[in-house]
């Protein structure tokens, strides 16, 4: 377990090295020689590495898995074909868990938090807590129960227990509340250090509240106040696309969005799913999502017309459009009319990717109005959200499906296998093989508690 949980320190010789990332999405070695022990590296050097890996986590491997099982992409070659048939085993998520999350982004978040005090580095600590909450949310949404409370104490505990998903949600809200307090505090170091995302303290507080709304609405099956809590958070959240926590991958050595990088390095191993291609017919975003000039619809063509496959397309911790979709759903669940919020969500998404105003107006004019049954209205909202979140946060599309059953998708006909006996669209990933080998006791306890170690297994929040 040392290779997963020991908190080593990031090593660089100067600030420019802080922007250096491998051309691969995740490393493959057990010990990273660029991260030796010691307290020699300042927060402003750790922050950009943490942010780069966090945004890469959202869009890269786990994002592609989510987009494939949610039928936005389909495997055309290599392992992506297996993923399309839900053949996703313990080795397929190992690097994402190990290097991307536990010895990557979350470890760096904890490192920044531990280096800070209530007076020095406190604003940076607030930003780190926001990213830690977002990474933790992605992790529990992917696997269910996961290590956290004992995960970052180093050699004091090399076999950390798994926290329940219910307690993980409590930790997410705690982190976001504490982040807000940290960002309101006076910082003797001069403010947020090393961030590659240009936001003021007030801007980060808006992002923290938007994330609160995301995780509140995910609890609609567990908390009768989920919708009301989401609306309360939104009252202090983002006001427009300008408030988004936008990360420019061009500021890293790779210099490219991970989805575009994957298309460049592994052309046509993954293409657009035919059902998504058909769904987008008549939508003004289609030409910005999909290239239909060849025999198969593709998401990457090496050009600059496909927004989410451009090298310079930014990563976003959470979009303003997602926040407005959450608002529309929450209003409906509270007995109101979410039509205005839904229109604002669609508009925000289309404006951000460059759809002309006239096309936006035409699309909204043809949109089916809300006002039917709650179930029908939720179906409309999540269906529109499914299209709007394409390319940026596929895992949130997957989370919505697990929570609501929308959009109504037909599972892959070849999706029944040893990893997924029932053949349903996967509801979680298998814990990685590194956990079975190196942390067998807590690993088995988590499996026993949840009742399954398979793709069709249940998790507390969504089932």
Protein backbone atom coordinates (compact mmCIF):
# COMPACT_ATOMS: atom_id res chain seq x y z
CA UNK A 1 0.00 0.00 0.00
CA UNK A 2 2.97 2.32 0.31
CA UNK A 3 2.95 2.97 -3.40
CA UNK A 4 -0.63 4.27 -3.25
CA UNK A 5 -0.95 6.14 -0.01
CA UNK A 6 2.40 7.40 1.22
CA UNK A 7 2.49 11.18 0.85
CA UNK A 8 5.68 12.00 -1.01
CA UNK A 9 6.48 15.61 -1.93
CA UNK A 10 6.55 17.04 -5.43
CA UNK A 11 10.10 17.76 -6.62
CA UNK A 12 10.97 20.46 -9.12
CA UNK A 13 14.05 22.62 -9.61
CA UNK A 14 12.20 25.82 -10.57
CA UNK A 15 8.67 27.00 -11.30
CA UNK A 16 8.79 26.06 -14.95
CA UNK A 17 9.11 22.41 -13.98
CA UNK A 18 5.84 22.75 -12.15
CA UNK A 19 4.20 22.77 -15.56
CA UNK A 20 5.95 19.59 -16.68
CA UNK A 21 3.72 16.57 -17.14
CA UNK A 22 4.36 13.28 -18.86
CA UNK A 23 2.99 12.90 -22.38
CA UNK A 24 1.03 9.94 -21.01
CA UNK A 25 -2.09 10.56 -18.98
CA UNK A 26 -0.84 8.57 -16.02
CA UNK A 27 2.47 7.10 -15.00
CA UNK A 28 3.07 3.38 -14.84
CA UNK A 29 5.79 3.02 -12.21
CA UNK A 30 5.21 2.31 -8.53
CA UNK A 31 7.44 5.08 -7.23
CA UNK A 32 7.74 8.43 -8.97
CA UNK A 33 11.36 9.64 -8.77
CA UNK A 34 10.24 13.23 -9.35
CA UNK A 35 8.35 13.19 -6.04
CA UNK A 36 10.88 12.51 -3.26
CA UNK A 37 10.27 13.27 0.40
CA UNK A 38 11.01 16.55 2.06
CA UNK A 39 9.35 19.91 2.56
CA UNK A 40 11.44 21.77 0.01
CA UNK A 41 8.74 22.67 -2.49
CA UNK A 42 6.39 25.63 -1.94
CA UNK A 43 2.65 25.59 -2.45
CA UNK A 44 2.92 27.61 -5.66
CA UNK A 45 4.83 24.71 -7.20
CA UNK A 46 2.43 21.97 -6.09
CA UNK A 47 -0.75 23.85 -7.06
CA UNK A 48 -0.36 23.77 -10.87
CA UNK A 49 0.54 20.08 -10.90
CA UNK A 50 -2.46 19.29 -8.74
CA UNK A 51 -4.78 21.30 -10.98
CA UNK A 52 -3.43 19.78 -14.18
CA UNK A 53 -3.91 16.24 -12.93
CA UNK A 54 -7.36 17.01 -11.52
CA UNK A 55 -8.61 18.37 -14.84
CA UNK A 56 -6.97 15.48 -16.65
CA UNK A 57 -8.82 13.04 -14.38
CA UNK A 58 -12.16 14.59 -15.33
CA UNK A 59 -11.64 14.37 -19.07
CA UNK A 60 -9.26 11.46 -19.60
CA UNK A 61 -9.52 7.76 -18.73
CA UNK A 62 -12.49 7.64 -16.37
CA UNK A 63 -14.23 10.24 -18.51
CA UNK A 64 -13.81 8.11 -21.63
CA UNK A 65 -15.09 5.00 -19.83
CA UNK A 66 -18.16 6.95 -18.72
CA UNK A 67 -18.76 8.38 -22.20
CA UNK A 68 -18.50 4.92 -23.76
CA UNK A 69 -20.95 3.18 -21.42
CA UNK A 70 -23.26 6.20 -21.81
CA UNK A 71 -23.20 5.68 -25.58
CA UNK A 72 -21.71 8.97 -26.65
CA UNK A 73 -18.62 7.17 -27.91
CA UNK A 74 -18.13 3.62 -29.08
CA UNK A 75 -15.00 1.52 -29.32
CA UNK A 76 -13.74 1.05 -32.85
CA UNK A 77 -10.38 -0.58 -32.13
CA UNK A 78 -8.12 -1.80 -29.30
CA UNK A 79 -9.39 -1.92 -25.70
CA UNK A 80 -12.15 0.61 -26.40
CA UNK A 81 -14.03 -2.21 -28.19
CA UNK A 82 -13.98 -4.28 -25.01
CA UNK A 83 -15.16 -1.31 -22.97
CA UNK A 84 -18.15 -0.92 -25.29
CA UNK A 85 -19.16 -4.48 -24.37
CA UNK A 86 -18.62 -3.69 -20.67
CA UNK A 87 -15.49 -5.81 -20.42
CA UNK A 88 -13.92 -3.50 -17.84
CA UNK A 89 -11.88 -5.33 -15.23
CA UNK A 90 -9.55 -4.74 -12.31
CA UNK A 91 -6.57 -3.82 -14.48
CA UNK A 92 -8.48 -1.31 -16.59
CA UNK A 93 -8.88 1.22 -13.78
CA UNK A 94 -5.64 0.55 -11.90
CA UNK A 95 -3.62 3.52 -13.21
CA UNK A 96 -6.57 5.89 -12.87
CA UNK A 97 -6.94 4.99 -9.18
CA UNK A 98 -3.26 4.81 -8.34
CA UNK A 99 -1.41 7.46 -10.29
CA UNK A 100 -4.25 9.69 -11.39
CA UNK A 101 -6.06 10.02 -8.08
CA UNK A 102 -4.42 8.63 -4.95
CA UNK A 103 -0.76 9.36 -5.65
CA UNK A 104 -1.71 12.15 -8.03
CA UNK A 105 -4.35 14.81 -7.57
CA UNK A 106 -5.75 13.93 -4.14
CA UNK A 107 -2.33 13.41 -2.60
CA UNK A 108 -1.24 16.82 -3.89
CA UNK A 109 -4.42 18.41 -2.51
CA UNK A 110 -3.69 16.93 0.91
CA UNK A 111 -0.07 18.09 0.60
CA UNK A 112 -1.18 21.71 0.01
CA UNK A 113 -3.67 21.51 2.89
CA UNK A 114 -1.02 20.16 5.26
CA UNK A 115 1.49 22.88 4.29
CA UNK A 116 -0.97 25.67 5.10
CA UNK A 117 -1.95 27.32 8.36
CA UNK A 118 -4.91 29.46 9.37
CA UNK A 119 -2.92 32.58 8.50
CA UNK A 120 -0.36 31.54 5.86
CA UNK A 121 -1.49 29.77 2.71
CA UNK A 122 -5.07 29.61 3.95
CA UNK A 123 -6.54 30.84 0.63
CA UNK A 124 -4.56 28.22 -1.29
CA UNK A 125 -5.82 25.65 1.20
CA UNK A 126 -9.35 26.66 0.25
CA UNK A 127 -8.68 25.99 -3.44
CA UNK A 128 -7.06 22.65 -2.59
CA UNK A 129 -10.14 21.65 -0.57
CA UNK A 130 -12.38 22.45 -3.56
CA UNK A 131 -10.30 20.22 -5.81
CA UNK A 132 -10.08 17.51 -3.16
CA UNK A 133 -13.89 17.52 -2.86
CA UNK A 134 -14.30 17.26 -6.64
CA UNK A 135 -11.74 14.44 -6.92
CA UNK A 136 -13.31 12.64 -3.98
CA UNK A 137 -16.74 12.97 -5.57
CA UNK A 138 -15.45 11.50 -8.82
CA UNK A 139 -13.82 8.63 -6.91
CA UNK A 140 -16.84 7.63 -4.84
CA UNK A 141 -19.15 8.00 -7.84
CA UNK A 142 -16.90 5.59 -9.72
CA UNK A 143 -16.39 2.91 -7.06
CA UNK A 144 -18.70 3.49 -4.09
CA UNK A 145 -16.92 3.01 -0.76
CA UNK A 146 -13.32 4.26 -1.04
CA UNK A 147 -10.37 4.99 1.28
CA UNK A 148 -10.18 8.55 2.54
CA UNK A 149 -9.97 9.18 6.29
CA UNK A 150 -6.97 6.84 6.64
CA UNK A 151 -5.63 7.18 3.10
CA UNK A 152 -3.03 9.92 3.44
CA UNK A 153 -1.18 9.27 6.68
CA UNK A 154 1.84 7.65 5.01
CA UNK A 155 3.70 4.80 6.65
CA UNK A 156 1.57 5.12 9.77
CA UNK A 157 -1.14 3.16 7.94
CA UNK A 158 -0.35 1.29 4.74
CA UNK A 159 -3.68 -0.57 4.81
CA UNK A 160 -6.33 2.13 5.09
CA UNK A 161 -9.95 1.20 5.58
CA UNK A 162 -12.64 2.14 3.09
CA UNK A 163 -15.03 4.89 4.14
CA UNK A 164 -18.69 4.31 3.30
CA UNK A 165 -20.09 6.31 0.42
CA UNK A 166 -22.54 7.95 2.81
CA UNK A 167 -19.67 9.25 4.96
CA UNK A 168 -17.73 10.31 1.84
CA UNK A 169 -20.58 12.63 0.87
CA UNK A 170 -20.37 14.15 4.33
CA UNK A 171 -16.65 14.73 3.79
CA UNK A 172 -17.32 16.40 0.43
CA UNK A 173 -19.70 18.92 2.00
CA UNK A 174 -17.31 19.49 4.91
CA UNK A 175 -14.45 20.24 2.52
CA UNK A 176 -16.53 22.65 0.47
CA UNK A 177 -17.80 24.49 3.55
CA UNK A 178 -14.28 24.74 4.93
CA UNK A 179 -13.02 25.93 1.54
CA UNK A 180 -15.43 28.84 1.66
CA UNK A 181 -14.21 29.81 5.13
CA UNK A 182 -10.56 29.53 4.04
CA UNK A 183 -11.17 31.76 1.02
CA UNK A 184 -12.82 34.40 3.20
CA UNK A 185 -9.86 34.45 5.60
CA UNK A 186 -6.95 36.89 5.45
CA UNK A 187 -3.84 35.21 4.03
CA UNK A 188 -0.45 36.60 5.05
CA UNK A 189 1.18 34.96 2.04
CA UNK A 190 -0.71 37.29 -0.29
CA UNK A 191 -3.54 35.09 -1.52
CA UNK A 192 -3.92 32.02 -3.72
CA UNK A 193 -0.52 30.72 -4.79
CA UNK A 194 0.39 29.11 -8.11
CA UNK A 195 -3.09 28.61 -9.53
CA UNK A 196 -3.33 28.16 -13.30
CA UNK A 197 -7.06 28.95 -13.06
CA UNK A 198 -7.68 32.69 -12.98
CA UNK A 199 -10.37 33.27 -10.37
CA UNK A 200 -10.63 35.60 -7.41
CA UNK A 201 -11.38 34.29 -3.93
CA UNK A 202 -15.00 35.27 -4.49
CA UNK A 203 -14.98 33.37 -7.77
CA UNK A 204 -13.72 30.20 -6.09
CA UNK A 205 -16.44 30.50 -3.47
CA UNK A 206 -19.01 30.53 -6.27
CA UNK A 207 -17.45 27.37 -7.72
CA UNK A 208 -17.52 25.70 -4.29
CA UNK A 209 -21.25 26.41 -4.00
CA UNK A 210 -21.88 25.12 -7.52
CA UNK A 211 -20.14 21.87 -6.55
CA UNK A 212 -22.26 21.68 -3.41
CA UNK A 213 -25.33 21.84 -5.64
CA UNK A 214 -23.95 19.01 -7.79
CA UNK A 215 -23.46 16.69 -4.83
CA UNK A 216 -26.74 17.67 -3.18
CA UNK A 217 -28.76 16.85 -6.30
CA UNK A 218 -26.98 13.49 -6.51
CA UNK A 219 -28.68 12.56 -3.23
CA UNK A 220 -32.26 12.74 -4.51
CA UNK A 221 -32.70 9.03 -3.75
CA UNK A 222 -31.39 9.45 -0.20
CA UNK A 223 -32.32 12.90 1.08
CA UNK A 224 -35.80 14.45 0.78
CA UNK A 225 -34.17 17.88 1.13
CA UNK A 226 -31.67 17.30 -1.71
CA UNK A 227 -33.39 19.67 -4.14
CA UNK A 228 -33.88 22.42 -1.56
CA UNK A 229 -30.26 22.12 -0.46
CA UNK A 230 -29.11 22.37 -4.07
CA UNK A 231 -31.12 25.56 -4.60
CA UNK A 232 -29.70 27.09 -1.42
CA UNK A 233 -26.18 26.43 -2.69
CA UNK A 234 -26.98 27.81 -6.14
CA UNK A 235 -28.05 31.12 -4.57
CA UNK A 236 -24.35 31.69 -3.83
CA UNK A 237 -22.91 29.99 -6.91
CA UNK A 238 -21.89 31.05 -10.43
CA UNK A 239 -23.66 33.82 -12.32
CA UNK A 240 -22.43 33.15 -15.86
CA UNK A 241 -19.90 31.26 -17.96
CA UNK A 242 -17.31 33.82 -16.88
CA UNK A 243 -17.37 32.34 -13.36
CA UNK A 244 -16.30 28.85 -14.43
CA UNK A 245 -13.04 27.38 -13.10
CA UNK A 246 -11.43 27.12 -16.53
CA UNK A 247 -8.11 25.30 -16.88
CA UNK A 248 -6.05 25.90 -20.01
CA UNK A 249 -4.12 22.76 -20.89
CA UNK A 250 -1.89 24.92 -23.09
CA UNK A 251 -0.19 26.04 -19.87
CA UNK A 252 1.18 22.52 -19.37
CA UNK A 253 4.01 20.86 -21.25
CA UNK A 254 1.58 18.56 -23.07
CA UNK A 255 -0.23 21.66 -24.23
CA UNK A 256 -3.42 19.86 -25.21
CA UNK A 257 -6.84 18.82 -23.99
CA UNK A 258 -6.75 15.09 -23.03
CA UNK A 259 -9.63 14.17 -25.33
CA UNK A 260 -7.87 15.80 -28.26
CA UNK A 261 -4.61 14.17 -27.23
CA UNK A 262 -6.25 10.76 -27.20
CA UNK A 263 -7.65 11.35 -30.67
CA UNK A 264 -4.23 12.41 -31.91
CA UNK A 265 -2.30 9.54 -30.30
CA UNK A 266 -4.87 6.79 -30.91
CA UNK A 267 -6.86 7.85 -33.97
CA UNK A 268 -10.17 6.10 -34.52
CA UNK A 269 -9.87 3.67 -31.62
CA UNK A 270 -12.97 5.48 -30.33
CA UNK A 271 -15.61 7.15 -32.49
CA UNK A 272 -19.06 8.65 -32.00
CA UNK A 273 -21.75 6.15 -31.02
CA UNK A 274 -24.40 5.92 -33.78
CA UNK A 275 -27.22 6.55 -31.30
CA UNK A 276 -25.60 9.80 -30.16
CA UNK A 277 -25.00 10.80 -33.77
CA UNK A 278 -28.69 10.26 -34.52
CA UNK A 279 -29.77 12.07 -31.35
CA UNK A 280 -27.83 15.18 -32.33
CA UNK A 281 -29.49 15.45 -35.75
CA UNK A 282 -30.98 18.93 -36.09
CA UNK A 283 -29.08 20.22 -33.07
CA UNK A 284 -26.83 23.23 -33.86
CA UNK A 285 -24.08 21.68 -31.71
CA UNK A 286 -23.74 18.63 -33.93
CA UNK A 287 -21.19 20.15 -36.29
CA UNK A 288 -19.19 21.24 -33.23
CA UNK A 289 -19.29 17.75 -31.72
CA UNK A 290 -19.19 15.35 -34.67
CA UNK A 291 -17.50 15.05 -38.06
CA UNK A 292 -19.81 13.17 -40.44
CA UNK A 293 -17.68 13.62 -43.54
CA UNK A 294 -16.40 10.04 -43.58
CA UNK A 295 -17.84 6.57 -43.39
CA UNK A 296 -18.15 6.76 -39.60
CA UNK A 297 -19.00 9.69 -37.32
CA UNK A 298 -15.85 10.75 -35.46
CA UNK A 299 -15.23 13.00 -32.48
CA UNK A 300 -11.69 13.90 -33.56
CA UNK A 301 -10.49 14.91 -37.02
CA UNK A 302 -7.32 16.83 -36.29
CA UNK A 303 -8.95 20.14 -37.16
CA UNK A 304 -10.25 23.03 -35.10
CA UNK A 305 -13.98 22.78 -35.84
CA UNK A 306 -14.81 20.10 -33.23
CA UNK A 307 -14.87 22.07 -30.00
CA UNK A 308 -14.16 19.35 -27.44
CA UNK A 309 -11.45 17.75 -29.59
CA UNK A 310 -9.32 20.84 -30.11
CA UNK A 311 -5.88 20.93 -28.59
CA UNK A 312 -6.62 24.29 -26.94
CA UNK A 313 -10.04 23.43 -25.52
CA UNK A 314 -9.99 24.11 -21.76
CA UNK A 315 -10.97 21.80 -18.96
CA UNK A 316 -13.64 22.90 -16.49
CA UNK A 317 -14.13 21.78 -12.93
CA UNK A 318 -17.85 22.37 -13.41
CA UNK A 319 -19.70 24.32 -16.07
CA UNK A 320 -22.23 27.06 -15.45
CA UNK A 321 -24.52 25.10 -17.78
CA UNK A 322 -24.40 22.09 -15.42
CA UNK A 323 -25.32 24.36 -12.53
CA UNK A 324 -28.37 25.67 -14.40
CA UNK A 325 -29.48 22.13 -15.30
CA UNK A 326 -29.28 21.26 -11.60
CA UNK A 327 -31.31 24.36 -10.81
CA UNK A 328 -33.99 23.39 -13.34
CA UNK A 329 -34.25 19.88 -11.86
CA UNK A 330 -34.29 21.14 -8.28
CA UNK A 331 -37.05 23.66 -9.04
CA UNK A 332 -39.15 20.92 -10.62
CA UNK A 333 -38.60 18.58 -7.67
CA UNK A 334 -39.77 21.38 -5.38
CA UNK A 335 -42.99 21.79 -7.34
CA UNK A 336 -41.98 24.81 -9.43
CA UNK A 337 -41.42 25.49 -13.11
CA UNK A 338 -37.82 24.96 -14.22
CA UNK A 339 -38.36 26.11 -17.82
CA UNK A 340 -36.38 29.35 -17.45
CA UNK A 341 -33.43 27.62 -15.78
CA UNK A 342 -33.46 24.90 -18.45
CA UNK A 343 -33.34 27.50 -21.24
CA UNK A 344 -30.49 29.28 -19.44
CA UNK A 345 -28.58 25.99 -19.15
CA UNK A 346 -28.87 25.22 -22.85
CA UNK A 347 -27.98 28.80 -23.74
CA UNK A 348 -24.89 28.78 -21.52
CA UNK A 349 -23.62 25.58 -23.10
CA UNK A 350 -24.25 26.72 -26.66
CA UNK A 351 -22.69 30.13 -26.07
CA UNK A 352 -19.59 28.60 -24.53
CA UNK A 353 -18.89 26.33 -27.50
CA UNK A 354 -19.69 29.00 -30.08
CA UNK A 355 -23.22 28.36 -31.40
CA UNK A 356 -24.58 31.54 -33.09
CA UNK A 357 -27.28 33.43 -31.21
CA UNK A 358 -29.81 32.93 -34.00
CA UNK A 359 -29.33 29.16 -33.87
CA UNK A 360 -29.72 29.18 -30.10
CA UNK A 361 -33.00 31.06 -30.40
CA UNK A 362 -34.29 28.65 -33.03
CA UNK A 363 -33.39 25.62 -30.91
CA UNK A 364 -35.04 27.03 -27.80
CA UNK A 365 -38.13 27.90 -29.80
CA UNK A 366 -38.55 24.26 -30.77
CA UNK A 367 -37.89 22.85 -27.31
CA UNK A 368 -40.68 20.91 -25.66
CA UNK A 369 -41.91 22.99 -22.71
CA UNK A 370 -41.90 21.69 -19.16
CA UNK A 371 -45.14 21.46 -17.25
CA UNK A 372 -46.03 17.79 -17.52
CA UNK A 373 -45.54 15.21 -14.81
CA UNK A 374 -42.42 15.47 -12.69
CA UNK A 375 -41.05 12.32 -14.31
CA UNK A 376 -41.62 13.70 -17.81
CA UNK A 377 -39.97 17.01 -16.93
CA UNK A 378 -36.95 15.31 -15.35
CA UNK A 379 -36.62 13.24 -18.51
CA UNK A 380 -36.49 16.40 -20.64
CA UNK A 381 -33.98 18.13 -18.36
CA UNK A 382 -31.61 15.16 -18.12
CA UNK A 383 -31.93 14.52 -21.85
CA UNK A 384 -30.81 18.07 -22.60
CA UNK A 385 -28.07 17.83 -19.98
CA UNK A 386 -26.84 14.64 -21.67
CA UNK A 387 -26.21 16.60 -24.85
CA UNK A 388 -24.76 19.67 -23.15
CA UNK A 389 -22.20 17.89 -20.95
CA UNK A 390 -20.74 15.97 -23.89
CA UNK A 391 -16.95 16.17 -24.06
CA UNK A 392 -16.40 17.96 -20.76
CA UNK A 393 -17.73 15.93 -17.81
CA UNK A 394 -18.94 12.52 -19.06
CA UNK A 395 -18.93 11.09 -15.55
CA UNK A 396 -21.72 13.48 -14.56
CA UNK A 397 -23.82 12.14 -17.43
CA UNK A 398 -23.22 8.64 -16.06
CA UNK A 399 -24.12 9.76 -12.54
CA UNK A 400 -27.40 11.26 -13.76
CA UNK A 401 -28.27 8.02 -15.53
CA UNK A 402 -27.58 5.92 -12.44
CA UNK A 403 -29.69 8.30 -10.36
CA UNK A 404 -32.65 8.96 -12.67
CA UNK A 405 -32.62 6.33 -15.42
CA UNK A 406 -32.34 9.08 -18.04
CA UNK A 407 -31.60 9.33 -20.85
CA UNK A 408 -33.38 6.08 -21.66
CA UNK A 409 -30.62 3.95 -23.17
CA UNK A 410 -30.66 0.32 -24.29
CA UNK A 411 -27.74 -1.64 -22.81
CA UNK A 412 -25.26 -3.08 -25.25
CA UNK A 413 -26.51 -6.46 -26.50
CA UNK A 414 -23.06 -7.97 -25.85
CA UNK A 415 -22.75 -6.43 -22.39
CA UNK A 416 -23.32 -9.53 -20.27
CA UNK A 417 -20.03 -11.03 -19.07
CA UNK A 418 -18.19 -12.13 -15.95
CA UNK A 419 -17.68 -8.53 -14.89
CA UNK A 420 -21.31 -7.59 -15.57
CA UNK A 421 -23.53 -10.67 -15.28
CA UNK A 422 -26.87 -8.86 -15.60
CA UNK A 423 -25.81 -7.05 -18.78
CA UNK A 424 -27.04 -3.65 -17.56
CA UNK A 425 -25.20 -0.42 -18.26
CA UNK A 426 -22.41 -0.47 -15.62
CA UNK A 427 -23.18 1.25 -12.33
CA UNK A 428 -19.68 1.24 -10.84
CA UNK A 429 -16.14 0.16 -11.71
CA UNK A 430 -14.31 -2.78 -10.18
CA UNK A 431 -11.76 -1.88 -7.54
CA UNK A 432 -8.29 -2.00 -9.14
CA UNK A 433 -6.09 -5.05 -8.82
CA UNK A 434 -3.56 -3.08 -6.76
CA UNK A 435 -6.11 -2.96 -3.94
CA UNK A 436 -6.85 -6.68 -4.03
CA UNK A 437 -3.12 -7.43 -3.88
CA UNK A 438 -1.85 -4.73 -1.50
CA UNK A 439 -4.83 -3.89 0.72
CA UNK A 440 -6.80 -7.15 0.85
CA UNK A 441 -8.45 -6.80 4.26
CA UNK A 442 -10.14 -3.39 3.87
CA UNK A 443 -10.78 -4.18 0.18
CA UNK A 444 -12.74 -7.32 1.06
CA UNK A 445 -14.61 -5.55 3.86
CA UNK A 446 -15.80 -2.91 1.39
CA UNK A 447 -16.94 -5.54 -1.10
CA UNK A 448 -18.81 -7.46 1.58
CA UNK A 449 -20.47 -4.30 2.90
CA UNK A 450 -21.64 -3.24 -0.57
CA UNK A 451 -22.62 -6.75 -1.60
CA UNK A 452 -20.79 -6.81 -4.91
CA UNK A 453 -17.51 -6.30 -6.72
CA UNK A 454 -19.08 -6.23 -10.17
CA UNK A 455 -20.06 -3.56 -12.68
CA UNK A 456 -23.75 -4.10 -11.97
CA UNK A 457 -23.30 -3.74 -8.21
CA UNK A 458 -25.15 -1.16 -6.16
CA UNK A 459 -23.77 1.91 -4.44
CA UNK A 460 -25.41 3.84 -1.60
CA UNK A 461 -26.12 7.12 -3.38
CA UNK A 462 -27.66 5.88 -6.60
CA UNK A 463 -29.45 2.61 -5.80
